[in-house]
Amino acid sequence: MEIITAKSAGFCFGVKRAVDTVYQQTAEKNTPIFTYGPIIHNEEVVKDLEKKGVRVIDAKEELKNAKGGTVIIRSHGVSREIYDILKENNIDFVDATCPFVLKIHRLVERYTKEGYHVVIIGNSSHPEVEGIKGWGKKDRILVISDEKEAEKISVPKGQKLCVVSQTTFHNNKFKELVEIIEKKGYDIIVLNTICNATQERQREAEEISAKVDAMIVIGGRHSSNTQKLFEICEKECENTYYIQTPDDLDMTNLRSVDNVGITAGASTPNNIIEEVQKYVRNEF
């Protein structure tokens, strides 16, 4: 059996930087280490950090209890309010927000101050989007994720519109939703803030899945970018499987195939990708 693994599979720059930051802090400090939300959407990495004493804070109300420790802001970023809470309570923190996400924060802050309504294309419940929303004015922020929501956008005539995207959104779908918005005739600025690593990973996944008999997508169940990869691959290859570790893979489904493609989301460590590759090779 031929196995084709995407070159772009696995940790992106922002995720690797955030994960390395946490491990570095655990090695350097004797004080408690906290992350605001899971550092990445990968259960295996989070479990390993828990073994090293890293605790996850899930709500802003818990931040005040982190005094005496260090809070690490994950790659997804946070709202302005979270920074204010940390500073007002003199809590030590390390900012591991992905630079591409920080750029969106600055854009949203700038354009809402200039009077624009900002449309964020992404998943409204995703922590990255929740953080982005927190850098604009509530009455000037809209979040959409599909065609129906794009059609429903209603901003008073004469108002200016700025469109940005969650960094891990589906690139082609972003373009489709922008087309719907543009037809409404607004004075509009479109800023495609999907990061280059995401676009390359999606392009490569589409290319590989179109020429293999089966496709394996590796990533956490709550990983937005991995879910997008699965959607892309499933359109090109009917036999597409979404797994977190080799234990999730039912090899009986692959017995009759000649070639298999493998890709992984931005929050999947290289060791898990290698384990899946080795597992598939050993089975055949």
C-alpha atoms as a PDB file:
ATOM      1  CA  MET A   1       0.000   0.000   0.000  1.00  0.00           C
ATOM      2  CA  GLU A   2       1.171   3.506  -0.821  1.00  0.00           C
ATOM      3  CA  ILE A   3       0.877   6.077   1.947  1.00  0.00           C
ATOM      4  CA  ILE A   4       0.897   9.778   1.038  1.00  0.00           C
ATOM      5  CA  THR A   5       1.314  12.143   3.982  1.00  0.00           C
ATOM      6  CA  ALA A   6       0.691  15.858   3.549  1.00  0.00           C
ATOM      7  CA  LYS A   7       3.839  17.940   4.048  1.00  0.00           C
ATOM      8  CA  SER A   8       1.751  20.624   5.748  1.00  0.00           C
ATOM      9  CA  ALA A   9       0.210  18.224   8.295  1.00  0.00           C
ATOM     10  CA  GLY A  10       0.602  19.012  11.974  1.00  0.00           C
ATOM     11  CA  PHE A  11       1.554  21.954  14.166  1.00  0.00           C
ATOM     12  CA  CYS A  12       1.468  25.367  12.541  1.00  0.00           C
ATOM     13  CA  PHE A  13       3.785  28.152  13.721  1.00  0.00           C
ATOM     14  CA  GLY A  14       1.268  29.692  16.136  1.00  0.00           C
ATOM     15  CA  VAL A  15       0.321  26.411  17.803  1.00  0.00           C
ATOM     16  CA  LYS A  16       3.916  25.200  18.137  1.00  0.00           C
ATOM     17  CA  ARG A  17       4.882  28.528  19.676  1.00  0.00           C
ATOM     18  CA  ALA A  18       2.036  28.325  22.219  1.00  0.00           C
ATOM     19  CA  VAL A  19       2.731  24.707  23.194  1.00  0.00           C
ATOM     20  CA  ASP A  20       6.480  25.334  23.481  1.00  0.00           C
ATOM     21  CA  THR A  21       5.717  28.340  25.687  1.00  0.00           C
ATOM     22  CA  VAL A  22       3.775  26.218  28.176  1.00  0.00           C
ATOM     23  CA  TYR A  23       6.435  23.512  28.369  1.00  0.00           C
ATOM     24  CA  GLN A  24       9.095  26.183  28.821  1.00  0.00           C
ATOM     25  CA  GLN A  25       7.153  27.814  31.665  1.00  0.00           C
ATOM     26  CA  THR A  26       6.703  24.474  33.464  1.00  0.00           C
ATOM     27  CA  ALA A  27      10.456  23.914  33.262  1.00  0.00           C
ATOM     28  CA  GLU A  28      11.452  27.402  34.425  1.00  0.00           C
ATOM     29  CA  LYS A  29       8.946  28.213  37.178  1.00  0.00           C
ATOM     30  CA  ASN A  30       8.056  26.677  40.518  1.00  0.00           C
ATOM     31  CA  THR A  31       4.789  28.612  40.693  1.00  0.00           C
ATOM     32  CA  PRO A  32       1.429  27.273  39.414  1.00  0.00           C
ATOM     33  CA  ILE A  33       0.926  27.427  35.629  1.00  0.00           C
ATOM     34  CA  PHE A  34      -2.526  28.032  34.161  1.00  0.00           C
ATOM     35  CA  THR A  35      -3.799  28.242  30.603  1.00  0.00           C
ATOM     36  CA  TYR A  36      -6.890  30.253  29.750  1.00  0.00           C
ATOM     37  CA  GLY A  37      -8.799  27.471  28.042  1.00  0.00           C
ATOM     38  CA  PRO A  38      -7.010  24.344  26.704  1.00  0.00           C
ATOM     39  CA  ILE A  39      -3.739  25.523  25.135  1.00  0.00           C
ATOM     40  CA  ILE A  40      -4.758  23.759  21.900  1.00  0.00           C
ATOM     41  CA  HIS A  41      -7.666  21.585  20.790  1.00  0.00           C
ATOM     42  CA  ASN A  42      -5.834  18.312  21.225  1.00  0.00           C
ATOM     43  CA  GLU A  43      -6.730  16.089  24.163  1.00  0.00           C
ATOM     44  CA  GLU A  44      -3.428  14.181  24.130  1.00  0.00           C
ATOM     45  CA  VAL A  45      -1.348  17.352  24.524  1.00  0.00           C
ATOM     46  CA  VAL A  46      -3.657  18.750  27.213  1.00  0.00           C
ATOM     47  CA  LYS A  47      -3.459  15.482  29.205  1.00  0.00           C
ATOM     48  CA  ASP A  48       0.338  15.519  29.038  1.00  0.00           C
ATOM     49  CA  LEU A  49       0.434  19.097  30.339  1.00  0.00           C
ATOM     50  CA  GLU A  50      -1.978  18.211  33.141  1.00  0.00           C
ATOM     51  CA  LYS A  51       0.509  15.553  34.279  1.00  0.00           C
ATOM     52  CA  LYS A  52       3.074  18.347  34.558  1.00  0.00           C
ATOM     53  CA  GLY A  53       0.730  20.345  36.781  1.00  0.00           C
ATOM     54  CA  VAL A  54      -0.708  22.758  34.223  1.00  0.00           C
ATOM     55  CA  ARG A  55      -4.281  23.697  35.106  1.00  0.00           C
ATOM     56  CA  VAL A  56      -6.921  24.925  32.647  1.00  0.00           C
ATOM     57  CA  ILE A  57      -9.042  27.952  33.534  1.00  0.00           C
ATOM     58  CA  ASP A  58     -12.303  27.862  31.609  1.00  0.00           C
ATOM     59  CA  ALA A  59     -14.039  31.082  32.703  1.00  0.00           C
ATOM     60  CA  LYS A  60     -12.997  34.669  33.289  1.00  0.00           C
ATOM     61  CA  GLU A  61     -14.436  34.508  36.831  1.00  0.00           C
ATOM     62  CA  GLU A  62     -11.706  31.982  37.705  1.00  0.00           C
ATOM     63  CA  LEU A  63      -8.847  34.254  36.642  1.00  0.00           C
ATOM     64  CA  LYS A  64      -8.710  36.081  39.975  1.00  0.00           C
ATOM     65  CA  ASN A  65      -7.920  32.748  41.642  1.00  0.00           C
ATOM     66  CA  ALA A  66      -4.735  32.511  39.585  1.00  0.00           C
ATOM     67  CA  LYS A  67      -2.859  34.999  41.780  1.00  0.00           C
ATOM     68  CA  GLY A  68       0.581  33.719  42.640  1.00  0.00           C
ATOM     69  CA  GLY A  69       0.784  31.766  39.407  1.00  0.00           C
ATOM     70  CA  THR A  70       1.276  32.455  35.725  1.00  0.00           C
ATOM     71  CA  VAL A  71      -1.556  32.490  33.183  1.00  0.00           C
ATOM     72  CA  ILE A  72      -0.703  31.622  29.585  1.00  0.00           C
ATOM     73  CA  ILE A  73      -2.968  33.050  26.897  1.00  0.00           C
ATOM     74  CA  ARG A  74      -3.358  30.395  24.215  1.00  0.00           C
ATOM     75  CA  SER A  75      -2.814  30.797  20.475  1.00  0.00           C
ATOM     76  CA  HIS A  76      -6.536  31.514  19.909  1.00  0.00           C
ATOM     77  CA  GLY A  77      -6.225  34.862  21.692  1.00  0.00           C
ATOM     78  CA  VAL A  78      -8.638  36.588  24.055  1.00  0.00           C
ATOM     79  CA  SER A  79     -10.771  39.703  24.272  1.00  0.00           C
ATOM     80  CA  ARG A  80      -9.579  43.037  25.614  1.00  0.00           C
ATOM     81  CA  GLU A  81     -11.606  42.329  28.775  1.00  0.00           C
ATOM     82  CA  ILE A  82      -9.389  39.352  29.702  1.00  0.00           C
ATOM     83  CA  TYR A  83      -6.236  41.465  29.478  1.00  0.00           C
ATOM     84  CA  ASP A  84      -7.931  44.073  31.686  1.00  0.00           C
ATOM     85  CA  ILE A  85      -8.810  41.458  34.341  1.00  0.00           C
ATOM     86  CA  LEU A  86      -5.244  40.140  34.395  1.00  0.00           C
ATOM     87  CA  LYS A  87      -3.707  43.597  34.701  1.00  0.00           C
ATOM     88  CA  GLU A  88      -6.208  44.916  37.273  1.00  0.00           C
ATOM     89  CA  ASN A  89      -5.525  41.923  39.519  1.00  0.00           C
ATOM     90  CA  ASN A  90      -1.734  42.029  39.012  1.00  0.00           C
ATOM     91  CA  ILE A  91      -1.689  38.484  37.674  1.00  0.00           C
ATOM     92  CA  ASP A  92       1.472  37.368  35.898  1.00  0.00           C
ATOM     93  CA  PHE A  93       0.718  36.264  32.343  1.00  0.00           C
ATOM     94  CA  VAL A  94       2.458  35.210  29.152  1.00  0.00           C
ATOM     95  CA  ASP A  95       0.802  36.049  25.841  1.00  0.00           C
ATOM     96  CA  ALA A  96       1.088  33.151  23.369  1.00  0.00           C
ATOM     97  CA  THR A  97      -1.573  34.485  20.990  1.00  0.00           C
ATOM     98  CA  CYS A  98      -0.790  33.635  17.377  1.00  0.00           C
ATOM     99  CA  PRO A  99       0.562  36.764  15.600  1.00  0.00           C
ATOM    100  CA  PHE A 100      -1.970  36.241  12.792  1.00  0.00           C
ATOM    101  CA  VAL A 101      -4.805  36.376  15.344  1.00  0.00           C
ATOM    102  CA  LEU A 102      -3.328  39.471  16.998  1.00  0.00           C
ATOM    103  CA  LYS A 103      -3.377  41.141  13.583  1.00  0.00           C
ATOM    104  CA  ILE A 104      -7.143  40.550  13.362  1.00  0.00           C
ATOM    105  CA  HIS A 105      -7.613  42.064  16.835  1.00  0.00           C
ATOM    106  CA  ARG A 106      -5.868  45.239  15.689  1.00  0.00           C
ATOM    107  CA  LEU A 107      -7.921  45.373  12.473  1.00  0.00           C
ATOM    108  CA  VAL A 108     -11.245  44.960  14.269  1.00  0.00           C
ATOM    109  CA  GLU A 109     -10.283  47.559  16.859  1.00  0.00           C
ATOM    110  CA  ARG A 110      -9.202  50.017  14.156  1.00  0.00           C
ATOM    111  CA  TYR A 111     -12.157  49.660  11.815  1.00  0.00           C
ATOM    112  CA  THR A 112     -14.855  49.773  14.483  1.00  0.00           C
ATOM    113  CA  LYS A 113     -13.260  52.984  15.801  1.00  0.00           C
ATOM    114  CA  GLU A 114     -13.443  54.363  12.261  1.00  0.00           C
ATOM    115  CA  GLY A 115     -17.184  53.677  12.181  1.00  0.00           C
ATOM    116  CA  TYR A 116     -17.255  50.397  10.266  1.00  0.00           C
ATOM    117  CA  HIS A 117     -19.538  47.479  11.013  1.00  0.00           C
ATOM    118  CA  VAL A 118     -17.292  44.394  11.183  1.00  0.00           C
ATOM    119  CA  VAL A 119     -18.429  41.037   9.831  1.00  0.00           C
ATOM    120  CA  ILE A 120     -16.435  38.086  11.167  1.00  0.00           C
ATOM    121  CA  ILE A 121     -16.737  34.972   9.031  1.00  0.00           C
ATOM    122  CA  GLY A 122     -16.251  32.020  11.359  1.00  0.00           C
ATOM    123  CA  ASN A 123     -17.739  29.875  14.100  1.00  0.00           C
ATOM    124  CA  SER A 124     -19.309  32.171  16.704  1.00  0.00           C
ATOM    125  CA  SER A 125     -18.655  29.721  19.567  1.00  0.00           C
ATOM    126  CA  HIS A 126     -14.982  29.177  18.700  1.00  0.00           C
ATOM    127  CA  PRO A 127     -12.574  30.769  21.230  1.00  0.00           C
ATOM    128  CA  GLU A 128     -10.678  32.589  18.480  1.00  0.00           C
ATOM    129  CA  VAL A 129     -13.865  34.277  17.267  1.00  0.00           C
ATOM    130  CA  GLU A 130     -14.996  35.022  20.827  1.00  0.00           C
ATOM    131  CA  GLY A 131     -11.683  36.799  21.356  1.00  0.00           C
ATOM    132  CA  ILE A 132     -11.907  38.724  18.072  1.00  0.00           C
ATOM    133  CA  LYS A 133     -15.400  39.966  18.964  1.00  0.00           C
ATOM    134  CA  GLY A 134     -13.973  41.451  22.137  1.00  0.00           C
ATOM    135  CA  TRP A 135     -11.899  44.011  20.221  1.00  0.00           C
ATOM    136  CA  GLY A 136     -14.814  45.818  18.601  1.00  0.00           C
ATOM    137  CA  LYS A 137     -18.005  47.556  19.661  1.00  0.00           C
ATOM    138  CA  LYS A 138     -20.813  45.075  20.386  1.00  0.00           C
ATOM    139  CA  ASP A 139     -23.364  46.944  18.282  1.00  0.00           C
ATOM    140  CA  ARG A 140     -20.997  46.923  15.285  1.00  0.00           C
ATOM    141  CA  ILE A 141     -19.911  43.259  15.290  1.00  0.00           C
ATOM    142  CA  LEU A 142     -21.600  40.466  13.314  1.00  0.00           C
ATOM    143  CA  VAL A 143     -20.545  36.818  13.049  1.00  0.00           C
ATOM    144  CA  ILE A 144     -21.654  34.584  10.181  1.00  0.00           C
ATOM    145  CA  SER A 145     -20.710  31.071   9.129  1.00  0.00           C
ATOM    146  CA  ASP A 146     -22.991  30.091   6.242  1.00  0.00           C
ATOM    147  CA  GLU A 147     -24.993  31.302   3.260  1.00  0.00           C
ATOM    148  CA  LYS A 148     -28.251  31.844   5.171  1.00  0.00           C
ATOM    149  CA  GLU A 149     -26.549  34.084   7.710  1.00  0.00           C
ATOM    150  CA  ALA A 150     -24.786  35.991   4.927  1.00  0.00           C
ATOM    151  CA  GLU A 151     -28.116  36.619   3.187  1.00  0.00           C
ATOM    152  CA  LYS A 152     -29.654  37.929   6.419  1.00  0.00           C
ATOM    153  CA  ILE A 153     -27.021  40.610   6.991  1.00  0.00           C
ATOM    154  CA  SER A 154     -28.798  43.916   7.310  1.00  0.00           C
ATOM    155  CA  VAL A 155     -26.805  47.062   7.975  1.00  0.00           C
ATOM    156  CA  PRO A 156     -28.301  50.544   7.459  1.00  0.00           C
ATOM    157  CA  LYS A 157     -27.600  51.970   4.010  1.00  0.00           C
ATOM    158  CA  GLY A 158     -24.652  54.313   3.931  1.00  0.00           C
ATOM    159  CA  GLN A 159     -22.826  52.358   6.631  1.00  0.00           C
ATOM    160  CA  LYS A 160     -19.379  50.947   5.877  1.00  0.00           C
ATOM    161  CA  LEU A 161     -18.592  47.256   6.214  1.00  0.00           C
ATOM    162  CA  CYS A 162     -15.321  45.474   6.994  1.00  0.00           C
ATOM    163  CA  VAL A 163     -15.139  41.688   6.524  1.00  0.00           C
ATOM    164  CA  VAL A 164     -12.518  39.527   8.264  1.00  0.00           C
ATOM    165  CA  SER A 165     -12.207  35.799   8.821  1.00  0.00           C
ATOM    166  CA  GLN A 166     -11.363  33.303  11.520  1.00  0.00           C
ATOM    167  CA  THR A 167      -7.805  32.213  10.664  1.00  0.00           C
ATOM    168  CA  THR A 168      -8.814  28.558  10.208  1.00  0.00           C
ATOM    169  CA  PHE A 169     -11.980  29.033   8.127  1.00  0.00           C
ATOM    170  CA  HIS A 170     -12.543  27.215   4.822  1.00  0.00           C
ATOM    171  CA  ASN A 171     -10.919  29.467   2.201  1.00  0.00           C
ATOM    172  CA  ASN A 172     -13.333  28.699  -0.663  1.00  0.00           C
ATOM    173  CA  LYS A 173     -16.344  29.097   1.603  1.00  0.00           C
ATOM    174  CA  PHE A 174     -15.020  32.456   2.780  1.00  0.00           C
ATOM    175  CA  LYS A 175     -14.937  33.654  -0.825  1.00  0.00           C
ATOM    176  CA  GLU A 176     -18.481  32.393  -1.441  1.00  0.00           C
ATOM    177  CA  LEU A 177     -19.855  34.254   1.594  1.00  0.00           C
ATOM    178  CA  VAL A 178     -18.007  37.436   0.621  1.00  0.00           C
ATOM    179  CA  GLU A 179     -19.661  37.303  -2.827  1.00  0.00           C
ATOM    180  CA  ILE A 180     -23.104  37.174  -1.185  1.00  0.00           C
ATOM    181  CA  ILE A 181     -22.293  40.177   1.015  1.00  0.00           C
ATOM    182  CA  GLU A 182     -20.803  42.196  -1.850  1.00  0.00           C
ATOM    183  CA  LYS A 183     -24.016  41.843  -3.861  1.00  0.00           C
ATOM    184  CA  LYS A 184     -25.826  43.845  -1.176  1.00  0.00           C
ATOM    185  CA  GLY A 185     -24.074  46.988  -2.375  1.00  0.00           C
ATOM    186  CA  TYR A 186     -22.351  48.087   0.828  1.00  0.00           C
ATOM    187  CA  ASP A 187     -19.237  50.246   0.979  1.00  0.00           C
ATOM    188  CA  ILE A 188     -17.062  47.259   1.845  1.00  0.00           C
ATOM    189  CA  ILE A 189     -13.488  46.347   2.721  1.00  0.00           C
ATOM    190  CA  VAL A 190     -12.650  42.630   2.549  1.00  0.00           C
ATOM    191  CA  LEU A 191      -9.629  41.371   4.494  1.00  0.00           C
ATOM    192  CA  ASN A 192      -8.967  37.663   4.005  1.00  0.00           C
ATOM    193  CA  THR A 193      -7.345  36.881   7.357  1.00  0.00           C
ATOM    194  CA  ILE A 194      -7.230  33.107   6.880  1.00  0.00           C
ATOM    195  CA  CYS A 195      -3.576  32.324   7.611  1.00  0.00           C
ATOM    196  CA  ASN A 196      -1.296  31.044   4.862  1.00  0.00           C
ATOM    197  CA  ALA A 197      -0.613  27.793   6.725  1.00  0.00           C
ATOM    198  CA  THR A 198      -4.344  27.026   6.814  1.00  0.00           C
ATOM    199  CA  GLN A 199      -4.775  27.763   3.117  1.00  0.00           C
ATOM    200  CA  GLU A 200      -1.799  25.561   2.200  1.00  0.00           C
ATOM    201  CA  ARG A 201      -3.016  22.721   4.436  1.00  0.00           C
ATOM    202  CA  GLN A 202      -6.483  22.864   2.868  1.00  0.00           C
ATOM    203  CA  ARG A 203      -5.090  22.992  -0.668  1.00  0.00           C
ATOM    204  CA  GLU A 204      -2.810  20.023  -0.087  1.00  0.00           C
ATOM    205  CA  ALA A 205      -5.545  17.996   1.632  1.00  0.00           C
ATOM    206  CA  GLU A 206      -7.870  18.550  -1.321  1.00  0.00           C
ATOM    207  CA  GLU A 207      -5.139  17.550  -3.776  1.00  0.00           C
ATOM    208  CA  ILE A 208      -4.179  14.334  -1.965  1.00  0.00           C
ATOM    209  CA  SER A 209      -7.731  13.202  -1.178  1.00  0.00           C
ATOM    210  CA  ALA A 210      -8.661  13.523  -4.872  1.00  0.00           C
ATOM    211  CA  LYS A 211      -6.164  10.838  -5.876  1.00  0.00           C
ATOM    212  CA  VAL A 212      -6.282   8.240  -3.071  1.00  0.00           C
ATOM    213  CA  ASP A 213      -8.671   5.400  -2.231  1.00  0.00           C
ATOM    214  CA  ALA A 214      -8.928   6.395   1.439  1.00  0.00           C
ATOM    215  CA  MET A 215      -8.056   9.496   3.447  1.00  0.00           C
ATOM    216  CA  ILE A 216      -7.199   9.793   7.137  1.00  0.00           C
ATOM    217  CA  VAL A 217      -7.608  13.147   8.868  1.00  0.00           C
ATOM    218  CA  ILE A 218      -5.986  13.384  12.316  1.00  0.00           C
ATOM    219  CA  GLY A 219      -6.953  15.950  14.924  1.00  0.00           C
ATOM    220  CA  GLY A 220      -8.879  16.810  18.055  1.00  0.00           C
ATOM    221  CA  ARG A 221     -12.671  16.581  17.923  1.00  0.00           C
ATOM    222  CA  HIS A 222     -12.988  20.247  18.865  1.00  0.00           C
ATOM    223  CA  SER A 223     -10.381  21.470  16.388  1.00  0.00           C
ATOM    224  CA  SER A 224     -12.020  23.850  13.912  1.00  0.00           C
ATOM    225  CA  ASN A 225      -9.278  23.609  11.302  1.00  0.00           C
ATOM    226  CA  THR A 226      -9.319  19.788  11.454  1.00  0.00           C
ATOM    227  CA  GLN A 227     -13.081  19.751  10.952  1.00  0.00           C
ATOM    228  CA  LYS A 228     -12.625  21.911   7.850  1.00  0.00           C
ATOM    229  CA  LEU A 229      -9.964  19.504   6.548  1.00  0.00           C
ATOM    230  CA  PHE A 230     -12.345  16.589   7.024  1.00  0.00           C
ATOM    231  CA  GLU A 231     -15.095  18.397   5.093  1.00  0.00           C
ATOM    232  CA  ILE A 232     -12.698  19.147   2.233  1.00  0.00           C
ATOM    233  CA  CYS A 233     -11.352  15.583   2.068  1.00  0.00           C
ATOM    234  CA  GLU A 234     -14.778  13.970   2.324  1.00  0.00           C
ATOM    235  CA  LYS A 235     -15.924  15.866  -0.773  1.00  0.00           C
ATOM    236  CA  GLU A 236     -13.033  14.424  -2.770  1.00  0.00           C
ATOM    237  CA  CYS A 237     -12.796  10.957  -1.190  1.00  0.00           C
ATOM    238  CA  GLU A 238     -15.804   9.006   0.071  1.00  0.00           C
ATOM    239  CA  ASN A 239     -13.604   6.858   2.346  1.00  0.00           C
ATOM    240  CA  THR A 240     -12.423   9.657   4.638  1.00  0.00           C
ATOM    241  CA  TYR A 241     -11.864   8.960   8.323  1.00  0.00           C
ATOM    242  CA  TYR A 242     -11.548  11.466  11.173  1.00  0.00           C
ATOM    243  CA  ILE A 243      -9.394  10.157  14.042  1.00  0.00           C
ATOM    244  CA  GLN A 244      -7.541  11.485  17.087  1.00  0.00           C
ATOM    245  CA  THR A 245      -5.099   8.603  17.590  1.00  0.00           C
ATOM    246  CA  PRO A 246      -4.340   5.250  15.888  1.00  0.00           C
ATOM    247  CA  ASP A 247      -6.749   3.597  18.365  1.00  0.00           C
ATOM    248  CA  ASP A 248      -9.654   5.265  16.541  1.00  0.00           C
ATOM    249  CA  LEU A 249      -8.750   3.705  13.192  1.00  0.00           C
ATOM    250  CA  ASP A 250     -10.700   0.626  12.067  1.00  0.00           C
ATOM    251  CA  MET A 251      -8.310  -1.064   9.653  1.00  0.00           C
ATOM    252  CA  THR A 252     -11.010  -3.347   8.240  1.00  0.00           C
ATOM    253  CA  ASN A 253     -12.189  -0.333   6.231  1.00  0.00           C
ATOM    254  CA  LEU A 254      -8.784  -0.100   4.534  1.00  0.00           C
ATOM    255  CA  ARG A 255      -8.210  -3.734   3.610  1.00  0.00           C
ATOM    256  CA  SER A 256      -9.205  -3.332  -0.031  1.00  0.00           C
ATOM    257  CA  VAL A 257      -7.487  -0.050  -0.887  1.00  0.00           C
ATOM    258  CA  ASP A 258      -4.206   0.498  -2.766  1.00  0.00           C
ATOM    259  CA  ASN A 259      -3.286   3.916  -1.435  1.00  0.00           C
ATOM    260  CA  VAL A 260      -4.041   6.045   1.612  1.00  0.00           C
ATOM    261  CA  GLY A 261      -3.622   9.759   2.209  1.00  0.00           C
ATOM    262  CA  ILE A 262      -2.896  11.267   5.622  1.00  0.00           C
ATOM    263  CA  THR A 263      -3.258  14.843   6.792  1.00  0.00           C
ATOM    264  CA  ALA A 264      -3.603  16.447  10.201  1.00  0.00           C
ATOM    265  CA  GLY A 265      -4.883  19.613  11.792  1.00  0.00           C
ATOM    266  CA  ALA A 266      -2.721  22.419  13.135  1.00  0.00           C
ATOM    267  CA  SER A 267      -3.063  21.126  16.711  1.00  0.00           C
ATOM    268  CA  THR A 268      -1.836  17.582  16.002  1.00  0.00           C
ATOM    269  CA  PRO A 269       1.665  16.744  17.306  1.00  0.00           C
ATOM    270  CA  ASN A 270       4.129  15.093  14.919  1.00  0.00           C
ATOM    271  CA  ASN A 271       4.449  12.033  17.160  1.00  0.00           C
ATOM    272  CA  ILE A 272       0.761  11.188  16.665  1.00  0.00           C
ATOM    273  CA  ILE A 273       1.063  11.602  12.875  1.00  0.00           C
ATOM    274  CA  GLU A 274       4.081   9.284  12.933  1.00  0.00           C
ATOM    275  CA  GLU A 275       2.209   6.745  15.067  1.00  0.00           C
ATOM    276  CA  VAL A 276      -0.643   6.659  12.543  1.00  0.00           C
ATOM    277  CA  GLN A 277       1.792   6.237   9.626  1.00  0.00           C
ATOM    278  CA  LYS A 278       3.603   3.413  11.421  1.00  0.00           C
ATOM    279  CA  TYR A 279       0.344   1.726  12.411  1.00  0.00           C
ATOM    280  CA  VAL A 280      -0.975   1.717   8.837  1.00  0.00           C
ATOM    281  CA  ARG A 281       2.353   0.433   7.446  1.00  0.00           C
ATOM    282  CA  ASN A 282       2.559  -2.351  10.025  1.00  0.00           C
ATOM    283  CA  GLU A 283      -0.969  -3.507   9.290  1.00  0.00           C
ATOM    284  CA  PHE A 284      -0.102  -3.963   5.630  1.00  0.00           C
END
